[in-house]
Amino acid sequence: MTKTKDLHKAWSKDPTYRAEYDALEEGFTVMAAIAKARRRAGLSQAELARRMNTTQSTVARLESGRGQPSTRTLLRFAKATGHKLKISFQPVKGKAKS
């Protein structure tokens, strides 16, 4: 049976696959940060949902990356977990300035 990491390595040679995969990286970063902040706050998904006045399934969707949370949702999440929301823009390596 072929392992996922082996498939990814092989497919990464395809520029189209690589570009699509790289485009997903930012979403992965956000979902990982959301899950990490909840765990750091010591909250279950259900507890966090109560604090955000939403459902556990909504919190699960945030952590799984399904959908794109609004800034308002991220602010509610930050408040419920005792965090401060910080959004920043980082220069892209290799991109020329216009």
PDB file of N, CA and C in Angstrom:
ATOM      1  N   MET A   1       0.838  -1.175   0.000  1.00  0.00           N
ATOM      2  CA  MET A   1       0.000   0.000   0.000  1.00  0.00           C
ATOM      3  C   MET A   1       0.887   1.243   0.000  1.00  0.00           C
ATOM      4  N   THR A   2       0.555   2.220  -0.799  1.00  0.00           N
ATOM      5  CA  THR A   2       1.325   3.452  -0.902  1.00  0.00           C
ATOM      6  C   THR A   2       0.973   4.392   0.250  1.00  0.00           C
ATOM      7  N   LYS A   3       1.985   4.982   0.854  1.00  0.00           N
ATOM      8  CA  LYS A   3       1.773   5.913   1.951  1.00  0.00           C
ATOM      9  C   LYS A   3       1.463   7.301   1.397  1.00  0.00           C
ATOM     10  N   THR A   4       0.676   8.041   2.143  1.00  0.00           N
ATOM     11  CA  THR A   4       0.287   9.394   1.740  1.00  0.00           C
ATOM     12  C   THR A   4       1.502  10.274   1.506  1.00  0.00           C
ATOM     13  N   LYS A   5       2.486  10.191   2.393  1.00  0.00           N
ATOM     14  CA  LYS A   5       3.659  11.052   2.239  1.00  0.00           C
ATOM     15  C   LYS A   5       4.430  10.715   0.955  1.00  0.00           C
ATOM     16  N   ASP A   6       4.417   9.445   0.550  1.00  0.00           N
ATOM     17  CA  ASP A   6       5.077   9.058  -0.700  1.00  0.00           C
ATOM     18  C   ASP A   6       4.321   9.626  -1.907  1.00  0.00           C
ATOM     19  N   LEU A   7       3.005   9.581  -1.833  1.00  0.00           N
ATOM     20  CA  LEU A   7       2.204  10.162  -2.915  1.00  0.00           C
ATOM     21  C   LEU A   7       2.447  11.672  -3.009  1.00  0.00           C
ATOM     22  N   HIS A   8       2.433  12.316  -1.859  1.00  0.00           N
ATOM     23  CA  HIS A   8       2.665  13.765  -1.839  1.00  0.00           C
ATOM     24  C   HIS A   8       4.029  14.106  -2.445  1.00  0.00           C
ATOM     25  N   LYS A   9       5.028  13.346  -2.095  1.00  0.00           N
ATOM     26  CA  LYS A   9       6.380  13.581  -2.617  1.00  0.00           C
ATOM     27  C   LYS A   9       6.399  13.437  -4.144  1.00  0.00           C
ATOM     28  N   ALA A  10       5.750  12.420  -4.647  1.00  0.00           N
ATOM     29  CA  ALA A  10       5.714  12.196  -6.100  1.00  0.00           C
ATOM     30  C   ALA A  10       4.898  13.282  -6.794  1.00  0.00           C
ATOM     31  N   TRP A  11       3.740  13.579  -6.231  1.00  0.00           N
ATOM     32  CA  TRP A  11       2.865  14.583  -6.857  1.00  0.00           C
ATOM     33  C   TRP A  11       3.459  15.986  -6.790  1.00  0.00           C
ATOM     34  N   SER A  12       4.314  16.252  -5.789  1.00  0.00           N
ATOM     35  CA  SER A  12       4.902  17.580  -5.632  1.00  0.00           C
ATOM     36  C   SER A  12       5.786  17.986  -6.805  1.00  0.00           C
ATOM     37  N   LYS A  13       6.161  17.025  -7.619  1.00  0.00           N
ATOM     38  CA  LYS A  13       6.965  17.337  -8.814  1.00  0.00           C
ATOM     39  C   LYS A  13       6.116  18.012  -9.884  1.00  0.00           C
ATOM     40  N   ASP A  14       4.805  17.876  -9.789  1.00  0.00           N
ATOM     41  CA  ASP A  14       3.883  18.499 -10.734  1.00  0.00           C
ATOM     42  C   ASP A  14       3.635  19.942 -10.295  1.00  0.00           C
ATOM     43  N   PRO A  15       3.986  20.937 -11.141  1.00  0.00           N
ATOM     44  CA  PRO A  15       3.830  22.348 -10.754  1.00  0.00           C
ATOM     45  C   PRO A  15       2.394  22.728 -10.390  1.00  0.00           C
ATOM     46  N   THR A  16       1.421  22.152 -11.056  1.00  0.00           N
ATOM     47  CA  THR A  16       0.021  22.469 -10.765  1.00  0.00           C
ATOM     48  C   THR A  16      -0.351  21.969  -9.377  1.00  0.00           C
ATOM     49  N   TYR A  17       0.039  20.734  -9.066  1.00  0.00           N
ATOM     50  CA  TYR A  17      -0.227  20.173  -7.735  1.00  0.00           C
ATOM     51  C   TYR A  17       0.457  21.027  -6.670  1.00  0.00           C
ATOM     52  N   ARG A  18       1.714  21.358  -6.905  1.00  0.00           N
ATOM     53  CA  ARG A  18       2.505  22.129  -5.930  1.00  0.00           C
ATOM     54  C   ARG A  18       1.851  23.481  -5.650  1.00  0.00           C
ATOM     55  N   ALA A  19       1.420  24.157  -6.713  1.00  0.00           N
ATOM     56  CA  ALA A  19       0.791  25.472  -6.550  1.00  0.00           C
ATOM     57  C   ALA A  19      -0.502  25.364  -5.735  1.00  0.00           C
ATOM     58  N   GLU A  20      -1.305  24.361  -6.027  1.00  0.00           N
ATOM     59  CA  GLU A  20      -2.559  24.168  -5.285  1.00  0.00           C
ATOM     60  C   GLU A  20      -2.283  23.811  -3.827  1.00  0.00           C
ATOM     61  N   TYR A  21      -1.310  22.963  -3.595  1.00  0.00           N
ATOM     62  CA  TYR A  21      -0.960  22.572  -2.236  1.00  0.00           C
ATOM     63  C   TYR A  21      -0.450  23.778  -1.448  1.00  0.00           C
ATOM     64  N   ASP A  22       0.414  24.565  -2.072  1.00  0.00           N
ATOM     65  CA  ASP A  22       0.956  25.756  -1.412  1.00  0.00           C
ATOM     66  C   ASP A  22      -0.144  26.753  -1.074  1.00  0.00           C
ATOM     67  N   ALA A  23      -1.146  26.852  -1.939  1.00  0.00           N
ATOM     68  CA  ALA A  23      -2.259  27.767  -1.698  1.00  0.00           C
ATOM     69  C   ALA A  23      -3.058  27.361  -0.457  1.00  0.00           C
ATOM     70  N   LEU A  24      -3.046  26.076  -0.126  1.00  0.00           N
ATOM     71  CA  LEU A  24      -3.776  25.586   1.042  1.00  0.00           C
ATOM     72  C   LEU A  24      -3.020  25.809   2.350  1.00  0.00           C
ATOM     73  N   GLU A  25      -1.743  26.089   2.262  1.00  0.00           N
ATOM     74  CA  GLU A  25      -0.899  26.187   3.455  1.00  0.00           C
ATOM     75  C   GLU A  25      -1.427  27.215   4.456  1.00  0.00           C
ATOM     76  N   GLU A  26      -1.891  28.362   3.971  1.00  0.00           N
ATOM     77  CA  GLU A  26      -2.376  29.391   4.881  1.00  0.00           C
ATOM     78  C   GLU A  26      -3.587  28.895   5.664  1.00  0.00           C
ATOM     79  N   GLY A  27      -4.467  28.156   5.005  1.00  0.00           N
ATOM     80  CA  GLY A  27      -5.620  27.595   5.694  1.00  0.00           C
ATOM     81  C   GLY A  27      -5.216  26.601   6.760  1.00  0.00           C
ATOM     82  N   PHE A  28      -4.205  25.781   6.458  1.00  0.00           N
ATOM     83  CA  PHE A  28      -3.707  24.819   7.437  1.00  0.00           C
ATOM     84  C   PHE A  28      -3.140  25.550   8.656  1.00  0.00           C
ATOM     85  N   THR A  29      -2.459  26.649   8.407  1.00  0.00           N
ATOM     86  CA  THR A  29      -1.872  27.423   9.494  1.00  0.00           C
ATOM     87  C   THR A  29      -2.953  27.980  10.406  1.00  0.00           C
ATOM     88  N   VAL A  30      -4.029  28.495   9.823  1.00  0.00           N
ATOM     89  CA  VAL A  30      -5.130  29.050  10.614  1.00  0.00           C
ATOM     90  C   VAL A  30      -5.804  27.959  11.439  1.00  0.00           C
ATOM     91  N   MET A  31      -6.108  26.806  10.803  1.00  0.00           N
ATOM     92  CA  MET A  31      -6.774  25.739  11.561  1.00  0.00           C
ATOM     93  C   MET A  31      -5.893  25.243  12.699  1.00  0.00           C
ATOM     94  N   ALA A  32      -4.611  25.119  12.452  1.00  0.00           N
ATOM     95  CA  ALA A  32      -3.702  24.653  13.507  1.00  0.00           C
ATOM     96  C   ALA A  32      -3.664  25.659  14.659  1.00  0.00           C
ATOM     97  N   ALA A  33      -3.647  26.951  14.331  1.00  0.00           N
ATOM     98  CA  ALA A  33      -3.620  27.986  15.372  1.00  0.00           C
ATOM     99  C   ALA A  33      -4.908  27.977  16.185  1.00  0.00           C
ATOM    100  N   ILE A  34      -6.031  27.753  15.526  1.00  0.00           N
ATOM    101  CA  ILE A  34      -7.324  27.707  16.212  1.00  0.00           C
ATOM    102  C   ILE A  34      -7.354  26.537  17.198  1.00  0.00           C
ATOM    103  N   ALA A  35      -6.977  25.370  16.736  1.00  0.00           N
ATOM    104  CA  ALA A  35      -6.988  24.192  17.607  1.00  0.00           C
ATOM    105  C   ALA A  35      -6.001  24.355  18.763  1.00  0.00           C
ATOM    106  N   LYS A  36      -4.837  24.909  18.475  1.00  0.00           N
ATOM    107  CA  LYS A  36      -3.815  25.094  19.510  1.00  0.00           C
ATOM    108  C   LYS A  36      -4.300  26.081  20.577  1.00  0.00           C
ATOM    109  N   ALA A  37      -4.931  27.168  20.156  1.00  0.00           N
ATOM    110  CA  ALA A  37      -5.426  28.164  21.115  1.00  0.00           C
ATOM    111  C   ALA A  37      -6.501  27.569  22.018  1.00  0.00           C
ATOM    112  N   ARG A  38      -7.382  26.746  21.439  1.00  0.00           N
ATOM    113  CA  ARG A  38      -8.433  26.115  22.258  1.00  0.00           C
ATOM    114  C   ARG A  38      -7.817  25.179  23.294  1.00  0.00           C
ATOM    115  N   ARG A  39      -6.857  24.362  22.861  1.00  0.00           N
ATOM    116  CA  ARG A  39      -6.210  23.431  23.794  1.00  0.00           C
ATOM    117  C   ARG A  39      -5.429  24.192  24.869  1.00  0.00           C
ATOM    118  N   ARG A  40      -4.750  25.254  24.457  1.00  0.00           N
ATOM    119  CA  ARG A  40      -3.973  26.052  25.411  1.00  0.00           C
ATOM    120  C   ARG A  40      -4.903  26.668  26.467  1.00  0.00           C
ATOM    121  N   ALA A  41      -6.128  27.012  26.064  1.00  0.00           N
ATOM    122  CA  ALA A  41      -7.114  27.558  26.996  1.00  0.00           C
ATOM    123  C   ALA A  41      -7.733  26.468  27.874  1.00  0.00           C
ATOM    124  N   GLY A  42      -7.432  25.206  27.551  1.00  0.00           N
ATOM    125  CA  GLY A  42      -7.953  24.098  28.342  1.00  0.00           C
ATOM    126  C   GLY A  42      -9.446  23.868  28.145  1.00  0.00           C
ATOM    127  N   LEU A  43      -9.944  24.175  26.955  1.00  0.00           N
ATOM    128  CA  LEU A  43     -11.375  24.057  26.673  1.00  0.00           C
ATOM    129  C   LEU A  43     -11.664  22.897  25.729  1.00  0.00           C
ATOM    130  N   SER A  44     -12.767  22.226  25.962  1.00  0.00           N
ATOM    131  CA  SER A  44     -13.255  21.246  24.984  1.00  0.00           C
ATOM    132  C   SER A  44     -13.971  22.042  23.885  1.00  0.00           C
ATOM    133  N   GLN A  45     -14.254  21.381  22.786  1.00  0.00           N
ATOM    134  CA  GLN A  45     -15.009  22.046  21.729  1.00  0.00           C
ATOM    135  C   GLN A  45     -16.380  22.483  22.251  1.00  0.00           C
ATOM    136  N   ALA A  46     -17.007  21.660  23.058  1.00  0.00           N
ATOM    137  CA  ALA A  46     -18.335  21.992  23.602  1.00  0.00           C
ATOM    138  C   ALA A  46     -18.266  23.206  24.530  1.00  0.00           C
ATOM    139  N   GLU A  47     -17.235  23.252  25.386  1.00  0.00           N
ATOM    140  CA  GLU A  47     -17.076  24.401  26.286  1.00  0.00           C
ATOM    141  C   GLU A  47     -16.836  25.680  25.494  1.00  0.00           C
ATOM    142  N   LEU A  48     -15.991  25.592  24.491  1.00  0.00           N
ATOM    143  CA  LEU A  48     -15.719  26.755  23.658  1.00  0.00           C
ATOM    144  C   LEU A  48     -16.983  27.211  22.933  1.00  0.00           C
ATOM    145  N   ALA A  49     -17.741  26.263  22.429  1.00  0.00           N
ATOM    146  CA  ALA A  49     -18.987  26.604  21.729  1.00  0.00           C
ATOM    147  C   ALA A  49     -19.922  27.378  22.655  1.00  0.00           C
ATOM    148  N   ARG A  50     -20.045  26.948  23.899  1.00  0.00           N
ATOM    149  CA  ARG A  50     -20.901  27.666  24.862  1.00  0.00           C
ATOM    150  C   ARG A  50     -20.406  29.093  25.055  1.00  0.00           C
ATOM    151  N   ARG A  51     -19.103  29.265  25.184  1.00  0.00           N
ATOM    152  CA  ARG A  51     -18.542  30.614  25.377  1.00  0.00           C
ATOM    153  C   ARG A  51     -18.754  31.503  24.143  1.00  0.00           C
ATOM    154  N   MET A  52     -18.756  30.880  22.976  1.00  0.00           N
ATOM    155  CA  MET A  52     -18.939  31.646  21.731  1.00  0.00           C
ATOM    156  C   MET A  52     -20.416  31.779  21.355  1.00  0.00           C
ATOM    157  N   ASN A  53     -21.283  31.139  22.136  1.00  0.00           N
ATOM    158  CA  ASN A  53     -22.713  31.117  21.837  1.00  0.00           C
ATOM    159  C   ASN A  53     -22.975  30.514  20.454  1.00  0.00           C
ATOM    160  N   THR A  54     -22.377  29.362  20.248  1.00  0.00           N
ATOM    161  CA  THR A  54     -22.531  28.644  18.987  1.00  0.00           C
ATOM    162  C   THR A  54     -22.606  27.150  19.285  1.00  0.00           C
ATOM    163  N   THR A  55     -22.463  26.336  18.279  1.00  0.00           N
ATOM    164  CA  THR A  55     -22.546  24.885  18.466  1.00  0.00           C
ATOM    165  C   THR A  55     -21.160  24.241  18.415  1.00  0.00           C
ATOM    166  N   GLN A  56     -21.072  23.040  18.984  1.00  0.00           N
ATOM    167  CA  GLN A  56     -19.813  22.294  18.948  1.00  0.00           C
ATOM    168  C   GLN A  56     -19.436  21.976  17.510  1.00  0.00           C
ATOM    169  N   SER A  57     -20.418  21.717  16.656  1.00  0.00           N
ATOM    170  CA  SER A  57     -20.109  21.388  15.258  1.00  0.00           C
ATOM    171  C   SER A  57     -19.496  22.594  14.538  1.00  0.00           C
ATOM    172  N   THR A  58     -19.895  23.797  14.921  1.00  0.00           N
ATOM    173  CA  THR A  58     -19.285  24.999  14.336  1.00  0.00           C
ATOM    174  C   THR A  58     -17.822  25.099  14.728  1.00  0.00           C
ATOM    175  N   VAL A  59     -17.522  24.817  15.988  1.00  0.00           N
ATOM    176  CA  VAL A  59     -16.125  24.835  16.460  1.00  0.00           C
ATOM    177  C   VAL A  59     -15.323  23.761  15.725  1.00  0.00           C
ATOM    178  N   ALA A  60     -15.900  22.581  15.559  1.00  0.00           N
ATOM    179  CA  ALA A  60     -15.220  21.503  14.837  1.00  0.00           C
ATOM    180  C   ALA A  60     -14.924  21.929  13.402  1.00  0.00           C
ATOM    181  N   ARG A  61     -15.861  22.622  12.765  1.00  0.00           N
ATOM    182  CA  ARG A  61     -15.631  23.116  11.394  1.00  0.00           C
ATOM    183  C   ARG A  61     -14.481  24.118  11.355  1.00  0.00           C
ATOM    184  N   LEU A  62     -14.410  24.988  12.353  1.00  0.00           N
ATOM    185  CA  LEU A  62     -13.297  25.948  12.419  1.00  0.00           C
ATOM    186  C   LEU A  62     -11.962  25.218  12.480  1.00  0.00           C
ATOM    187  N   GLU A  63     -11.901  24.188  13.322  1.00  0.00           N
ATOM    188  CA  GLU A  63     -10.651  23.462  13.513  1.00  0.00           C
ATOM    189  C   GLU A  63     -10.295  22.566  12.337  1.00  0.00           C
ATOM    190  N   SER A  64     -11.277  22.154  11.573  1.00  0.00           N
ATOM    191  CA  SER A  64     -10.999  21.260  10.443  1.00  0.00           C
ATOM    192  C   SER A  64     -10.708  22.031   9.162  1.00  0.00           C
ATOM    193  N   GLY A  65     -10.955  23.338   9.186  1.00  0.00           N
ATOM    194  CA  GLY A  65     -10.673  24.149   8.003  1.00  0.00           C
ATOM    195  C   GLY A  65     -11.791  24.163   6.983  1.00  0.00           C
ATOM    196  N   ARG A  66     -12.931  23.580   7.313  1.00  0.00           N
ATOM    197  CA  ARG A  66     -14.068  23.639   6.391  1.00  0.00           C
ATOM    198  C   ARG A  66     -14.696  25.003   6.517  1.00  0.00           C
ATOM    199  N   GLY A  67     -14.684  25.734   5.433  1.00  0.00           N
ATOM    200  CA  GLY A  67     -15.203  27.096   5.451  1.00  0.00           C
ATOM    201  C   GLY A  67     -14.118  28.082   5.802  1.00  0.00           C
ATOM    202  N   GLN A  68     -14.434  29.332   5.658  1.00  0.00           N
ATOM    203  CA  GLN A  68     -13.488  30.396   5.967  1.00  0.00           C
ATOM    204  C   GLN A  68     -14.115  31.316   7.004  1.00  0.00           C
ATOM    205  N   PRO A  69     -13.594  31.292   8.230  1.00  0.00           N
ATOM    206  CA  PRO A  69     -14.207  32.098   9.288  1.00  0.00           C
ATOM    207  C   PRO A  69     -14.052  33.594   9.025  1.00  0.00           C
ATOM    208  N   SER A  70     -15.069  34.332   9.386  1.00  0.00           N
ATOM    209  CA  SER A  70     -15.021  35.788   9.255  1.00  0.00           C
ATOM    210  C   SER A  70     -14.131  36.363  10.356  1.00  0.00           C
ATOM    211  N   THR A  71     -13.750  37.606  10.192  1.00  0.00           N
ATOM    212  CA  THR A  71     -12.977  38.284  11.230  1.00  0.00           C
ATOM    213  C   THR A  71     -13.793  38.338  12.517  1.00  0.00           C
ATOM    214  N   ARG A  72     -15.085  38.562  12.404  1.00  0.00           N
ATOM    215  CA  ARG A  72     -15.959  38.608  13.582  1.00  0.00           C
ATOM    216  C   ARG A  72     -15.919  37.265  14.332  1.00  0.00           C
ATOM    217  N   THR A  73     -15.979  36.166  13.599  1.00  0.00           N
ATOM    218  CA  THR A  73     -15.918  34.842  14.235  1.00  0.00           C
ATOM    219  C   THR A  73     -14.573  34.634  14.919  1.00  0.00           C
ATOM    220  N   LEU A  74     -13.494  35.036  14.252  1.00  0.00           N
ATOM    221  CA  LEU A  74     -12.166  34.890  14.851  1.00  0.00           C
ATOM    222  C   LEU A  74     -12.034  35.754  16.113  1.00  0.00           C
ATOM    223  N   LEU A  75     -12.635  36.936  16.105  1.00  0.00           N
ATOM    224  CA  LEU A  75     -12.614  37.784  17.295  1.00  0.00           C
ATOM    225  C   LEU A  75     -13.390  37.138  18.448  1.00  0.00           C
ATOM    226  N   ARG A  76     -14.549  36.543  18.155  1.00  0.00           N
ATOM    227  CA  ARG A  76     -15.320  35.836  19.178  1.00  0.00           C
ATOM    228  C   ARG A  76     -14.522  34.663  19.728  1.00  0.00           C
ATOM    229  N   PHE A  77     -13.843  33.947  18.821  1.00  0.00           N
ATOM    230  CA  PHE A  77     -13.007  32.813  19.224  1.00  0.00           C
ATOM    231  C   PHE A  77     -11.902  33.300  20.159  1.00  0.00           C
ATOM    232  N   ALA A  78     -11.217  34.367  19.767  1.00  0.00           N
ATOM    233  CA  ALA A  78     -10.119  34.892  20.573  1.00  0.00           C
ATOM    234  C   ALA A  78     -10.604  35.280  21.965  1.00  0.00           C
ATOM    235  N   LYS A  79     -11.713  35.986  22.028  1.00  0.00           N
ATOM    236  CA  LYS A  79     -12.250  36.401  23.327  1.00  0.00           C
ATOM    237  C   LYS A  79     -12.617  35.188  24.180  1.00  0.00           C
ATOM    238  N   ALA A  80     -13.248  34.203  23.581  1.00  0.00           N
ATOM    239  CA  ALA A  80     -13.693  33.009  24.312  1.00  0.00           C
ATOM    240  C   ALA A  80     -12.528  32.179  24.839  1.00  0.00           C
ATOM    241  N   THR A  81     -11.372  32.265  24.181  1.00  0.00           N
ATOM    242  CA  THR A  81     -10.210  31.476  24.609  1.00  0.00           C
ATOM    243  C   THR A  81      -9.189  32.310  25.386  1.00  0.00           C
ATOM    244  N   GLY A  82      -9.492  33.598  25.586  1.00  0.00           N
ATOM    245  CA  GLY A  82      -8.565  34.454  26.329  1.00  0.00           C
ATOM    246  C   GLY A  82      -7.342  34.845  25.523  1.00  0.00           C
ATOM    247  N   HIS A  83      -7.519  34.972  24.209  1.00  0.00           N
ATOM    248  CA  HIS A  83      -6.430  35.366  23.332  1.00  0.00           C
ATOM    249  C   HIS A  83      -6.738  36.688  22.653  1.00  0.00           C
ATOM    250  N   LYS A  84      -5.723  37.266  22.070  1.00  0.00           N
ATOM    251  CA  LYS A  84      -5.852  38.479  21.272  1.00  0.00           C
ATOM    252  C   LYS A  84      -5.663  38.073  19.813  1.00  0.00           C
ATOM    253  N   LEU A  85      -6.570  38.497  18.942  1.00  0.00           N
ATOM    254  CA  LEU A  85      -6.450  38.196  17.519  1.00  0.00           C
ATOM    255  C   LEU A  85      -5.436  39.138  16.902  1.00  0.00           C
ATOM    256  N   LYS A  86      -4.501  38.576  16.152  1.00  0.00           N
ATOM    257  CA  LYS A  86      -3.484  39.370  15.472  1.00  0.00           C
ATOM    258  C   LYS A  86      -3.411  38.882  14.037  1.00  0.00           C
ATOM    259  N   ILE A  87      -3.676  39.771  13.104  1.00  0.00           N
ATOM    260  CA  ILE A  87      -3.590  39.448  11.679  1.00  0.00           C
ATOM    261  C   ILE A  87      -2.441  40.269  11.111  1.00  0.00           C
ATOM    262  N   SER A  88      -1.557  39.620  10.376  1.00  0.00           N
ATOM    263  CA  SER A  88      -0.421  40.354   9.815  1.00  0.00           C
ATOM    264  C   SER A  88      -0.183  39.931   8.375  1.00  0.00           C
ATOM    265  N   PHE A  89       0.521  40.769   7.662  1.00  0.00           N
ATOM    266  CA  PHE A  89       0.908  40.492   6.290  1.00  0.00           C
ATOM    267  C   PHE A  89       2.421  40.355   6.244  1.00  0.00           C
ATOM    268  N   GLN A  90       2.873  39.253   5.662  1.00  0.00           N
ATOM    269  CA  GLN A  90       4.298  38.971   5.553  1.00  0.00           C
ATOM    270  C   GLN A  90       4.699  39.027   4.093  1.00  0.00           C
ATOM    271  N   PRO A  91       5.856  39.605   3.780  1.00  0.00           N
ATOM    272  CA  PRO A  91       6.282  39.630   2.382  1.00  0.00           C
ATOM    273  C   PRO A  91       6.501  38.211   1.852  1.00  0.00           C
ATOM    274  N   VAL A  92       6.172  38.010   0.599  1.00  0.00           N
ATOM    275  CA  VAL A  92       6.357  36.717  -0.048  1.00  0.00           C
ATOM    276  C   VAL A  92       7.753  36.684  -0.628  1.00  0.00           C
ATOM    277  N   LYS A  93       8.509  35.640  -0.307  1.00  0.00           N
ATOM    278  CA  LYS A  93       9.873  35.508  -0.824  1.00  0.00           C
ATOM    279  C   LYS A  93       9.840  35.344  -2.333  1.00  0.00           C
ATOM    280  N   GLY A  94      10.721  36.034  -3.000  1.00  0.00           N
ATOM    281  CA  GLY A  94      10.853  35.877  -4.445  1.00  0.00           C
ATOM    282  C   GLY A  94       9.859  36.682  -5.259  1.00  0.00           C
ATOM    283  N   LYS A  95       8.984  37.425  -4.601  1.00  0.00           N
ATOM    284  CA  LYS A  95       8.017  38.245  -5.333  1.00  0.00           C
ATOM    285  C   LYS A  95       8.573  39.653  -5.481  1.00  0.00           C
ATOM    286  N   ALA A  96       8.565  40.135  -6.702  1.00  0.00           N
ATOM    287  CA  ALA A  96       9.068  41.481  -6.973  1.00  0.00           C
ATOM    288  C   ALA A  96       8.038  42.510  -6.511  1.00  0.00           C
ATOM    289  N   LYS A  97       8.547  43.643  -6.046  1.00  0.00           N
ATOM    290  CA  LYS A  97       7.668  44.742  -5.656  1.00  0.00           C
ATOM    291  C   LYS A  97       7.225  45.474  -6.908  1.00  0.00           C
ATOM    292  N   SER A  98       5.984  45.903  -6.898  1.00  0.00           N
ATOM    293  CA  SER A  98       5.451  46.641  -8.051  1.00  0.00           C
ATOM    294  C   SER A  98       5.598  48.126  -7.855  1.00  0.00           C
TER     295      SER A  98
END
